[in-house]
Amino acid sequence: MVFSSLEFIFIFLPIFLVIYFWLPPRLRNAALLVGSLVFYIYGSWQNPFYIFLLLLSIVLNWALALSIAPKRKEGSGNKTLLIIGIIYNLGLLFLYKYCNFLFSSINSLLGFEAGKGLPQITWVLPLGISFYTFMHLAYLIDVYRGKIRPEGSLFRYATFATFFPKLTSGPITTYQELDGPLSRRKIGMKRLDNGLRDFIIGLGLKVLLANQIGGLWNQLGMIGYDSISTPLAWMGSIAYSLQFYFDFYGYSLMAIGVGKMLGFRLPDNFHHPYIARTMTDFWRRWHITLGSWFRNYLYIPLGGNRCSRSRHTLNLLIVWLATGLWHGASWNFVLWGLFLFAILFIEKNYTMNALTGDSVLSRVGSHVYMIVLILIQWTIFAVTDLSQLGVYLGRLFGIGGNVMDSMDFTRYLDTYGWKMAIGILFATPLPRKLFKPIRNTFLGTLILFAIFVAAIYCVSIGSNDPFMYFNF
């Protein structure tokens, strides 16, 4: 069940909210747990074993944390049990997400023909496993470090772990971020109204921007990358970049909105990443909770930047390879991680001062630099077949075929040009800045109502797509 579906908007969410508000405060966590399990079961009904997998992970990580916790106020916890917990969680993720990738890579390396060598395992990636794996790992590590006390109640931990607004696609939250609201939280019409407004904005970004702009990228895939011109290739990369941003940003806003309705404050996941002047700044603004997770639980434990230059470089390489592989089991994600590592290494060691200067040349040049890099990085991210990726990158840089034929570009520009122009505008802070003063006024309410009606109409005629981040 996705947030932008009619089933969620008109059936699940209203029924759940009525029950949730009607129940006394002491029973609302129970409602959250049951509702979250229903939400997950609905999304995994074709693979019912995955609900068992989710529950097993919850029970094992809860039990491990109780034994990992330090026995004294000072000092760390049981390192052996922490390692067991890390192996279990990452092993489960590896089994379902990376096993086939490893087997197929070994088969290719050894020259086995199709159908021979190591077998391919036919199973579907469990819904949300990348997100709830990192959630459990953060909990175990924080308990081990003594930052938080282990949750003694399995019921409360299960409520945290299954909290449906963030279960399947984040934001990635730590236990301490939701511990307080699980114990005591305020709900009411003002919070409900504020959350609903966030939800509608997110719905509009997903359905009215991401889905509409994304049609161009889908069409380029159908006609074949070897048939497009260089101008159309750049246009396609712009379309995918906007689609991906508004799809995931829209989901995050909808999750934050639902959280507010229920009395929780989920962390922001985006802060206008496309206005960044460096790739370093971009990754402080994009998928903020994932970046925070890698910084706190991988980069800093490896030594961060408080080490020799060579070790710092190795730390960056490990983090960005891990970031790439977290997103998918495919060589293009490895290449994507290496690309980002290379750019960030160059920035940190050579070009940061030039890119962040106050001169007009520096400001304009840094934005042009980032536009090009953003389009290249999302192209590498989007095209999983390396041979087709090579074709597309060739088209971007005018290599191969009738690359300068602009007839196809003109044809698609008529259909998608205005949509992309709106998308570019909404990728800047200007629309939010203009809307903020009227957000809670009658005019703001009318605008949000119009967005909601238009989005529901698009969903009802079948122009809605699952959130792209469900694939990761």
Protein backbone atom coordinates (compact mmCIF):
# COMPACT_ATOMS: atom_id res chain seq x y z
CA MET A 1 0.00 0.00 0.00
CA VAL A 2 1.54 3.29 -1.08
CA PHE A 3 0.71 6.70 0.37
CA SER A 4 -0.44 8.00 -3.02
CA SER A 5 -2.97 5.20 -3.59
CA LEU A 6 -6.72 5.60 -3.29
CA GLU A 7 -6.80 2.68 -0.83
CA PHE A 8 -4.49 4.49 1.56
CA ILE A 9 -5.99 7.96 1.19
CA PHE A 10 -9.69 7.04 1.37
CA ILE A 11 -9.75 3.76 3.30
CA PHE A 12 -6.74 2.94 5.45
CA LEU A 13 -5.76 6.41 6.70
CA PRO A 14 -9.27 7.71 7.57
CA ILE A 15 -10.26 4.48 9.35
CA PHE A 16 -6.98 4.36 11.22
CA LEU A 17 -7.18 8.02 12.27
CA VAL A 18 -10.75 7.63 13.57
CA ILE A 19 -9.75 4.63 15.68
CA TYR A 20 -6.51 6.27 16.81
CA PHE A 21 -8.17 9.51 17.96
CA TRP A 22 -11.10 7.69 19.55
CA LEU A 23 -8.96 5.39 21.69
CA PRO A 24 -7.63 6.55 25.08
CA PRO A 25 -3.92 7.53 25.09
CA ARG A 26 -2.81 4.31 26.78
CA LEU A 27 -4.10 2.24 23.83
CA ARG A 28 -2.75 4.35 20.98
CA ASN A 29 0.56 2.53 20.78
CA ALA A 30 -1.38 -0.71 20.39
CA ALA A 31 -3.34 0.89 17.56
CA LEU A 32 -0.06 2.00 15.97
CA LEU A 33 1.40 -1.49 16.14
CA VAL A 34 -1.68 -3.22 14.75
CA GLY A 35 -2.18 -0.58 12.05
CA SER A 36 1.47 -0.74 11.02
CA LEU A 37 1.34 -4.54 10.73
CA VAL A 38 -1.83 -4.32 8.64
CA PHE A 39 -0.11 -1.73 6.42
CA TYR A 40 2.93 -4.00 5.95
CA ILE A 41 0.90 -7.16 5.42
CA TYR A 42 -1.14 -5.42 2.72
CA GLY A 43 2.07 -4.46 0.91
CA SER A 44 3.55 -7.97 1.27
CA TRP A 45 0.46 -10.10 0.75
CA GLN A 46 2.03 -11.93 -2.20
CA ASN A 47 5.00 -12.88 0.02
CA PRO A 48 3.50 -13.54 3.48
CA PHE A 49 6.79 -14.99 4.74
CA TYR A 50 8.22 -11.47 4.78
CA ILE A 51 5.97 -10.39 7.66
CA PHE A 52 7.48 -13.26 9.65
CA LEU A 53 10.93 -12.02 8.63
CA LEU A 54 10.11 -8.52 9.87
CA LEU A 55 8.80 -9.81 13.21
CA LEU A 56 11.77 -12.14 13.65
CA SER A 57 14.19 -9.24 13.13
CA ILE A 58 12.31 -7.18 15.70
CA VAL A 59 12.39 -9.90 18.36
CA LEU A 60 16.04 -10.85 17.80
CA ASN A 61 17.33 -7.26 17.79
CA TRP A 62 15.28 -6.39 20.87
CA ALA A 63 16.65 -9.43 22.73
CA LEU A 64 20.23 -8.79 21.59
CA ALA A 65 20.10 -5.17 22.77
CA LEU A 66 19.12 -6.25 26.28
CA SER A 67 22.28 -8.36 26.49
CA ILE A 68 24.55 -5.93 24.62
CA ALA A 69 23.90 -3.01 26.97
CA PRO A 70 26.87 -1.95 29.16
CA LYS A 71 26.72 -3.24 32.72
CA ARG A 72 28.20 0.00 34.06
CA LYS A 73 27.50 3.63 33.31
CA GLU A 74 30.95 4.04 31.84
CA GLY A 75 32.22 1.77 29.11
CA SER A 76 30.91 -0.16 26.14
CA GLY A 77 28.64 -3.16 26.00
CA ASN A 78 29.07 -6.74 24.90
CA LYS A 79 31.12 -6.53 21.69
CA THR A 80 30.67 -10.19 20.76
CA LEU A 81 26.88 -9.92 20.80
CA LEU A 82 27.07 -6.65 18.85
CA ILE A 83 29.09 -8.42 16.14
CA ILE A 84 26.51 -11.23 16.09
CA GLY A 85 23.74 -8.64 15.67
CA ILE A 86 25.60 -6.90 12.85
CA ILE A 87 26.26 -10.20 11.08
CA TYR A 88 22.61 -11.23 11.39
CA ASN A 89 21.19 -7.97 10.08
CA LEU A 90 23.69 -7.48 7.25
CA GLY A 91 23.60 -11.19 6.46
CA LEU A 92 19.85 -11.08 6.00
CA LEU A 93 20.16 -8.02 3.78
CA PHE A 94 22.95 -9.68 1.78
CA LEU A 95 20.96 -12.88 1.33
CA TYR A 96 17.95 -11.16 -0.18
CA LYS A 97 19.55 -8.19 -1.92
CA TYR A 98 23.08 -9.11 -2.96
CA CYS A 99 23.33 -12.88 -3.23
CA ASN A 100 22.23 -13.05 -6.87
CA PHE A 101 24.48 -10.12 -7.75
CA LEU A 102 27.50 -11.89 -6.26
CA PHE A 103 26.64 -15.20 -7.93
CA SER A 104 26.09 -13.65 -11.36
CA SER A 105 29.32 -11.64 -11.06
CA ILE A 106 31.28 -14.81 -10.20
CA ASN A 107 29.63 -16.67 -13.10
CA SER A 108 30.61 -13.88 -15.51
CA LEU A 109 34.14 -13.75 -14.15
CA LEU A 110 34.58 -17.52 -14.57
CA GLY A 111 32.97 -17.51 -18.03
CA PHE A 112 29.97 -19.71 -17.26
CA GLU A 113 27.18 -19.71 -19.82
CA ALA A 114 23.61 -18.78 -18.86
CA GLY A 115 22.01 -21.48 -16.74
CA LYS A 116 25.33 -22.86 -15.56
CA GLY A 117 27.57 -22.08 -12.61
CA LEU A 118 26.22 -20.70 -9.37
CA PRO A 119 22.40 -20.65 -9.34
CA GLN A 120 20.20 -17.55 -9.37
CA ILE A 121 17.73 -17.44 -6.48
CA THR A 122 14.22 -16.35 -7.44
CA TRP A 123 12.78 -14.29 -4.63
CA VAL A 124 11.43 -10.79 -4.25
CA LEU A 125 13.24 -8.21 -2.14
CA PRO A 126 11.35 -7.90 1.19
CA LEU A 127 9.54 -4.59 1.45
CA GLY A 128 11.56 -2.02 3.39
CA ILE A 129 14.43 -4.37 4.32
CA SER A 130 17.15 -1.83 3.47
CA PHE A 131 15.54 0.71 5.77
CA TYR A 132 14.63 -1.47 8.73
CA THR A 133 18.04 -3.18 8.63
CA PHE A 134 19.76 0.17 9.15
CA MET A 135 17.24 1.08 11.84
CA HIS A 136 18.04 -2.09 13.83
CA LEU A 137 21.78 -1.64 13.36
CA ALA A 138 21.65 1.95 14.65
CA TYR A 139 19.70 0.77 17.69
CA LEU A 140 22.17 -2.00 18.55
CA ILE A 141 25.19 0.26 18.08
CA ASP A 142 23.69 3.06 20.17
CA VAL A 143 22.90 0.61 22.96
CA TYR A 144 26.43 -0.81 22.77
CA ARG A 145 27.93 2.68 22.99
CA GLY A 146 25.78 3.48 26.01
CA LYS A 147 24.04 6.37 24.21
CA ILE A 148 20.62 4.91 24.98
CA ARG A 149 19.27 2.34 27.35
CA PRO A 150 17.79 -0.79 25.76
CA GLU A 151 14.02 -0.83 25.53
CA GLY A 152 12.72 -3.32 28.07
CA SER A 153 9.32 -3.69 26.43
CA LEU A 154 9.14 -5.78 23.27
CA PHE A 155 5.77 -4.17 22.56
CA ARG A 156 7.23 -0.63 22.58
CA TYR A 157 10.21 -1.64 20.45
CA ALA A 158 7.94 -3.36 17.94
CA THR A 159 5.80 -0.22 17.79
CA PHE A 160 8.91 1.86 17.02
CA ALA A 161 10.27 -0.63 14.48
CA THR A 162 7.03 -1.03 12.52
CA PHE A 163 5.88 2.62 12.62
CA PHE A 164 4.22 2.64 9.21
CA PRO A 165 4.91 6.24 8.06
CA LYS A 166 8.63 5.46 7.84
CA LEU A 167 8.75 1.66 7.64
CA THR A 168 9.07 1.03 3.91
CA SER A 169 11.07 4.01 2.58
CA GLY A 170 12.23 6.05 5.55
CA PRO A 171 13.14 8.60 6.77
CA ILE A 172 15.64 6.44 8.66
CA THR A 173 15.04 7.19 12.32
CA THR A 174 16.97 6.27 15.43
CA TYR A 175 15.25 5.00 18.55
CA GLN A 176 15.97 8.16 20.52
CA GLU A 177 14.11 10.23 17.90
CA LEU A 178 10.85 8.37 18.55
CA ASP A 179 11.33 7.23 22.16
CA GLY A 180 9.83 10.36 23.69
CA PRO A 181 6.68 10.50 21.53
CA LEU A 182 6.12 6.77 22.12
CA SER A 183 5.79 7.55 25.82
CA ARG A 184 3.90 10.82 25.63
CA ARG A 185 2.70 12.82 22.66
CA LYS A 186 0.15 15.47 21.88
CA ILE A 187 -2.48 15.07 19.19
CA GLY A 188 -5.30 17.37 18.18
CA MET A 189 -6.94 19.19 15.33
CA LYS A 190 -4.09 21.68 14.90
CA ARG A 191 -1.50 18.93 14.49
CA LEU A 192 -3.87 16.95 12.29
CA ASP A 193 -4.40 19.98 10.06
CA ASN A 194 -0.68 20.75 9.85
CA GLY A 195 0.15 17.14 9.00
CA LEU A 196 -2.59 16.99 6.39
CA ARG A 197 -1.19 20.07 4.66
CA ASP A 198 2.28 18.48 4.50
CA PHE A 199 0.72 15.28 3.19
CA ILE A 200 -1.11 17.09 0.37
CA ILE A 201 2.03 18.99 -0.67
CA GLY A 202 3.93 15.72 -0.80
CA LEU A 203 1.11 14.09 -2.76
CA GLY A 204 1.22 16.93 -5.27
CA LEU A 205 4.99 16.65 -5.70
CA LYS A 206 4.68 12.92 -6.33
CA VAL A 207 1.62 12.76 -8.57
CA LEU A 208 1.53 16.15 -10.32
CA LEU A 209 5.27 16.63 -10.82
CA ALA A 210 7.26 13.37 -10.52
CA ASN A 211 4.81 11.17 -12.40
CA GLN A 212 4.14 13.69 -15.17
CA ILE A 213 7.78 14.59 -15.79
CA GLY A 214 8.85 10.95 -15.51
CA GLY A 215 6.92 10.00 -18.62
CA LEU A 216 9.77 11.32 -20.78
CA TRP A 217 12.38 9.05 -19.19
CA ASN A 218 10.09 6.06 -19.60
CA GLN A 219 9.57 6.84 -23.28
CA LEU A 220 13.31 7.14 -23.93
CA GLY A 221 13.75 3.66 -22.49
CA MET A 222 11.12 2.30 -24.85
CA ILE A 223 12.49 3.87 -28.05
CA GLY A 224 16.09 2.91 -27.19
CA TYR A 225 19.02 5.07 -26.14
CA ASP A 226 20.84 4.43 -29.41
CA SER A 227 18.04 6.25 -31.26
CA ILE A 228 18.14 9.57 -29.40
CA SER A 229 20.04 12.76 -30.10
CA THR A 230 22.39 14.57 -27.74
CA PRO A 231 19.87 17.35 -26.93
CA LEU A 232 17.20 14.77 -26.13
CA ALA A 233 19.66 12.78 -23.99
CA TRP A 234 20.31 15.85 -21.82
CA MET A 235 16.60 16.54 -21.66
CA GLY A 236 15.97 12.96 -20.56
CA SER A 237 18.57 13.22 -17.79
CA ILE A 238 16.95 16.44 -16.57
CA ALA A 239 13.56 14.71 -16.57
CA TYR A 240 14.85 11.74 -14.56
CA SER A 241 16.63 14.00 -12.08
CA LEU A 242 13.45 15.97 -11.45
CA GLN A 243 11.27 12.84 -11.34
CA PHE A 244 13.54 11.12 -8.82
CA TYR A 245 13.75 14.18 -6.58
CA PHE A 246 10.04 14.93 -6.48
CA ASP A 247 9.14 11.26 -6.10
CA PHE A 248 11.31 10.74 -3.03
CA TYR A 249 10.84 14.24 -1.60
CA GLY A 250 7.08 13.83 -2.05
CA TYR A 251 7.14 10.50 -0.20
CA SER A 252 9.20 11.98 2.63
CA LEU A 253 6.80 14.92 3.04
CA MET A 254 3.83 12.55 3.08
CA ALA A 255 5.53 10.43 5.75
CA ILE A 256 6.31 13.53 7.81
CA GLY A 257 2.69 14.66 7.41
CA VAL A 258 1.26 11.35 8.60
CA GLY A 259 3.71 11.40 11.49
CA LYS A 260 2.49 14.86 12.54
CA MET A 261 -1.13 13.67 12.43
CA LEU A 262 -0.19 10.92 14.90
CA GLY A 263 1.82 13.18 17.22
CA PHE A 264 5.33 12.33 15.96
CA ARG A 265 7.98 14.53 14.35
CA LEU A 266 9.95 12.65 11.71
CA PRO A 267 13.25 14.21 10.57
CA ASP A 268 13.47 16.19 7.34
CA ASN A 269 15.05 14.28 4.47
CA PHE A 270 15.66 17.03 1.89
CA HIS A 271 16.76 20.64 1.92
CA HIS A 272 16.69 21.95 -1.67
CA PRO A 273 19.61 19.78 -2.87
CA TYR A 274 19.53 21.07 -6.45
CA ILE A 275 20.64 24.56 -5.42
CA ALA A 276 23.89 23.17 -3.95
CA ARG A 277 27.14 24.61 -5.31
CA THR A 278 29.27 21.57 -4.48
CA MET A 279 28.68 17.84 -4.43
CA THR A 280 29.70 17.88 -0.76
CA ASP A 281 26.85 20.30 -0.01
CA PHE A 282 24.47 18.33 -2.24
CA TRP A 283 24.90 15.24 -0.07
CA ARG A 284 24.22 17.27 3.05
CA ARG A 285 20.87 18.20 1.51
CA TRP A 286 19.83 14.93 -0.21
CA HIS A 287 18.43 11.95 1.75
CA ILE A 288 19.69 13.58 4.93
CA THR A 289 18.83 10.68 7.23
CA LEU A 290 20.77 8.16 5.11
CA GLY A 291 23.77 10.48 5.00
CA SER A 292 23.59 10.91 8.78
CA TRP A 293 23.46 7.13 9.22
CA PHE A 294 26.58 6.53 7.14
CA ARG A 295 28.39 9.39 8.87
CA ASN A 296 27.54 8.25 12.41
CA TYR A 297 27.77 4.49 12.01
CA LEU A 298 30.42 3.99 9.31
CA TYR A 299 32.46 7.09 8.43
CA ILE A 300 33.24 8.28 11.98
CA PRO A 301 33.95 4.76 13.34
CA LEU A 302 36.40 4.28 10.46
CA GLY A 303 38.22 7.41 11.61
CA GLY A 304 36.42 10.10 9.62
CA ASN A 305 38.83 12.87 8.62
CA ARG A 306 40.82 12.74 11.86
CA CYS A 307 43.52 10.57 10.37
CA SER A 308 46.16 10.59 7.66
CA ARG A 309 45.23 11.78 4.19
CA SER A 310 45.55 8.28 2.74
CA ARG A 311 43.34 6.78 5.46
CA HIS A 312 40.79 9.56 5.01
CA THR A 313 40.67 8.79 1.30
CA LEU A 314 40.12 5.11 2.06
CA ASN A 315 37.33 6.01 4.49
CA LEU A 316 35.59 8.07 1.81
CA LEU A 317 35.97 5.25 -0.69
CA ILE A 318 34.43 2.70 1.70
CA VAL A 319 31.52 4.97 2.58
CA TRP A 320 30.64 5.78 -1.02
CA LEU A 321 30.96 2.20 -2.21
CA ALA A 322 28.65 1.21 0.65
CA THR A 323 26.25 4.02 -0.28
CA GLY A 324 26.17 2.85 -3.87
CA LEU A 325 25.58 -0.79 -2.96
CA TRP A 326 22.92 0.14 -0.39
CA HIS A 327 20.87 1.53 -3.25
CA GLY A 328 21.04 -1.58 -5.38
CA ALA A 329 22.82 -4.81 -6.30
CA SER A 330 24.12 -3.81 -9.70
CA TRP A 331 27.43 -2.64 -11.13
CA ASN A 332 26.01 0.73 -12.11
CA PHE A 333 25.50 1.49 -8.40
CA VAL A 334 29.13 0.57 -7.74
CA LEU A 335 30.13 2.90 -10.58
CA TRP A 336 27.82 5.58 -9.18
CA GLY A 337 29.47 5.31 -5.75
CA LEU A 338 32.95 5.50 -7.32
CA PHE A 339 31.91 8.54 -9.37
CA LEU A 340 30.72 10.36 -6.25
CA PHE A 341 33.84 9.36 -4.34
CA ALA A 342 36.03 10.80 -7.09
CA ILE A 343 34.12 14.09 -7.22
CA LEU A 344 34.09 14.48 -3.43
CA PHE A 345 37.79 13.63 -3.19
CA ILE A 346 38.65 16.30 -5.76
CA GLU A 347 36.45 18.86 -4.02
CA LYS A 348 37.84 18.23 -0.55
CA ASN A 349 41.46 18.34 -1.72
CA TYR A 350 41.55 20.78 -4.63
CA THR A 351 38.47 22.72 -5.75
CA MET A 352 36.36 23.56 -2.67
CA ASN A 353 37.62 27.14 -2.25
CA ALA A 354 37.12 27.97 -5.93
CA LEU A 355 33.58 26.57 -5.93
CA THR A 356 32.45 28.32 -2.75
CA GLY A 357 33.92 31.75 -3.44
CA ASP A 358 31.83 34.93 -3.36
CA SER A 359 32.62 36.21 -6.86
CA VAL A 360 30.00 36.17 -9.60
CA LEU A 361 32.17 33.82 -11.65
CA SER A 362 32.44 31.39 -8.74
CA ARG A 363 28.71 31.46 -8.03
CA VAL A 364 27.64 30.98 -11.63
CA GLY A 365 30.39 28.50 -12.38
CA SER A 366 29.64 26.35 -9.33
CA HIS A 367 25.96 26.06 -10.26
CA VAL A 368 26.79 25.11 -13.85
CA TYR A 369 29.30 22.59 -12.53
CA MET A 370 26.67 21.06 -10.24
CA ILE A 371 23.97 20.92 -12.90
CA VAL A 372 26.27 18.86 -15.14
CA LEU A 373 27.39 16.56 -12.32
CA ILE A 374 23.86 16.03 -11.00
CA LEU A 375 22.65 14.99 -14.44
CA ILE A 376 25.58 12.63 -14.96
CA GLN A 377 25.29 11.03 -11.53
CA TRP A 378 21.55 10.32 -11.87
CA THR A 379 22.09 8.92 -15.36
CA ILE A 380 24.64 6.46 -13.95
CA PHE A 381 22.17 5.71 -11.15
CA ALA A 382 19.21 5.17 -13.46
CA VAL A 383 20.62 2.90 -16.18
CA THR A 384 21.40 -0.49 -14.64
CA ASP A 385 22.67 -2.14 -17.85
CA LEU A 386 26.29 -1.05 -18.25
CA SER A 387 26.27 -1.43 -22.04
CA GLN A 388 23.16 0.76 -22.29
CA LEU A 389 24.71 3.19 -19.81
CA GLY A 390 27.69 3.48 -22.13
CA VAL A 391 25.35 4.23 -25.03
CA TYR A 392 23.48 6.90 -23.06
CA LEU A 393 26.64 8.59 -21.80
CA GLY A 394 27.90 8.54 -25.38
CA ARG A 395 24.77 10.35 -26.49
CA LEU A 396 25.22 12.94 -23.72
CA PHE A 397 28.69 13.78 -25.00
CA GLY A 398 27.99 13.51 -28.71
CA ILE A 399 29.51 10.12 -29.39
CA GLY A 400 27.93 7.68 -31.87
CA GLY A 401 24.87 7.86 -34.11
CA ASN A 402 23.07 10.92 -35.43
CA VAL A 403 23.61 12.67 -32.11
CA MET A 404 22.87 16.23 -33.21
CA ASP A 405 19.53 15.58 -34.89
CA SER A 406 17.28 17.89 -32.90
CA MET A 407 13.95 16.82 -34.40
CA ASP A 408 13.26 14.34 -31.60
CA PHE A 409 14.23 16.95 -29.01
CA THR A 410 11.77 19.49 -30.45
CA ARG A 411 8.96 16.94 -30.49
CA TYR A 412 9.40 15.97 -26.83
CA LEU A 413 10.06 19.56 -25.78
CA ASP A 414 6.54 20.51 -26.88
CA THR A 415 5.07 17.86 -24.56
CA TYR A 416 7.41 17.99 -21.58
CA GLY A 417 9.13 21.38 -21.74
CA TRP A 418 6.56 23.26 -19.66
CA LYS A 419 6.31 20.44 -17.11
CA MET A 420 10.06 20.42 -16.65
CA ALA A 421 10.13 24.21 -16.35
CA ILE A 422 7.64 23.96 -13.47
CA GLY A 423 9.71 21.19 -11.94
CA ILE A 424 12.89 23.29 -12.10
CA LEU A 425 11.05 26.16 -10.41
CA PHE A 426 9.79 23.89 -7.62
CA ALA A 427 13.29 22.52 -7.07
CA THR A 428 14.25 25.99 -5.79
CA PRO A 429 13.25 27.50 -2.41
CA LEU A 430 11.05 30.15 -4.10
CA PRO A 431 7.67 28.31 -4.14
CA ARG A 432 7.98 27.33 -0.47
CA LYS A 433 9.04 30.86 0.43
CA LEU A 434 6.02 32.34 -1.36
CA PHE A 435 3.58 29.77 0.02
CA LYS A 436 4.72 29.87 3.64
CA PRO A 437 2.95 33.16 4.60
CA ILE A 438 -0.39 31.92 3.18
CA ARG A 439 -0.07 28.23 4.09
CA ASN A 440 -2.62 28.40 6.92
CA THR A 441 -4.89 31.02 5.38
CA PHE A 442 -8.10 30.51 3.43
CA LEU A 443 -6.22 31.09 0.16
CA GLY A 444 -3.62 28.51 1.15
CA THR A 445 -6.37 26.04 1.95
CA LEU A 446 -7.95 26.60 -1.48
CA ILE A 447 -4.61 26.01 -3.19
CA LEU A 448 -4.05 22.79 -1.25
CA PHE A 449 -7.59 21.64 -2.00
CA ALA A 450 -6.98 22.21 -5.73
CA ILE A 451 -3.71 20.24 -5.52
CA PHE A 452 -5.49 17.41 -3.72
CA VAL A 453 -8.33 17.23 -6.26
CA ALA A 454 -5.93 17.31 -9.22
CA ALA A 455 -3.74 14.62 -7.67
CA ILE A 456 -6.70 12.36 -6.89
CA TYR A 457 -7.95 12.77 -10.44
CA CYS A 458 -4.55 11.71 -11.82
CA VAL A 459 -4.43 8.71 -9.50
CA SER A 460 -7.98 7.69 -10.39
CA ILE A 461 -7.27 7.63 -14.14
CA GLY A 462 -4.27 5.40 -13.57
CA SER A 463 -1.39 7.87 -13.89
CA ASN A 464 0.06 6.97 -10.51
CA ASP A 465 3.24 4.91 -10.10
CA PRO A 466 4.76 3.25 -7.05
CA PHE A 467 7.39 5.30 -5.29
CA MET A 468 10.77 4.82 -6.96
CA TYR A 469 12.57 4.33 -3.64
CA PHE A 470 10.56 1.17 -2.97
CA ASN A 471 13.08 -0.50 -5.31
CA PHE A 472 15.95 0.15 -2.92
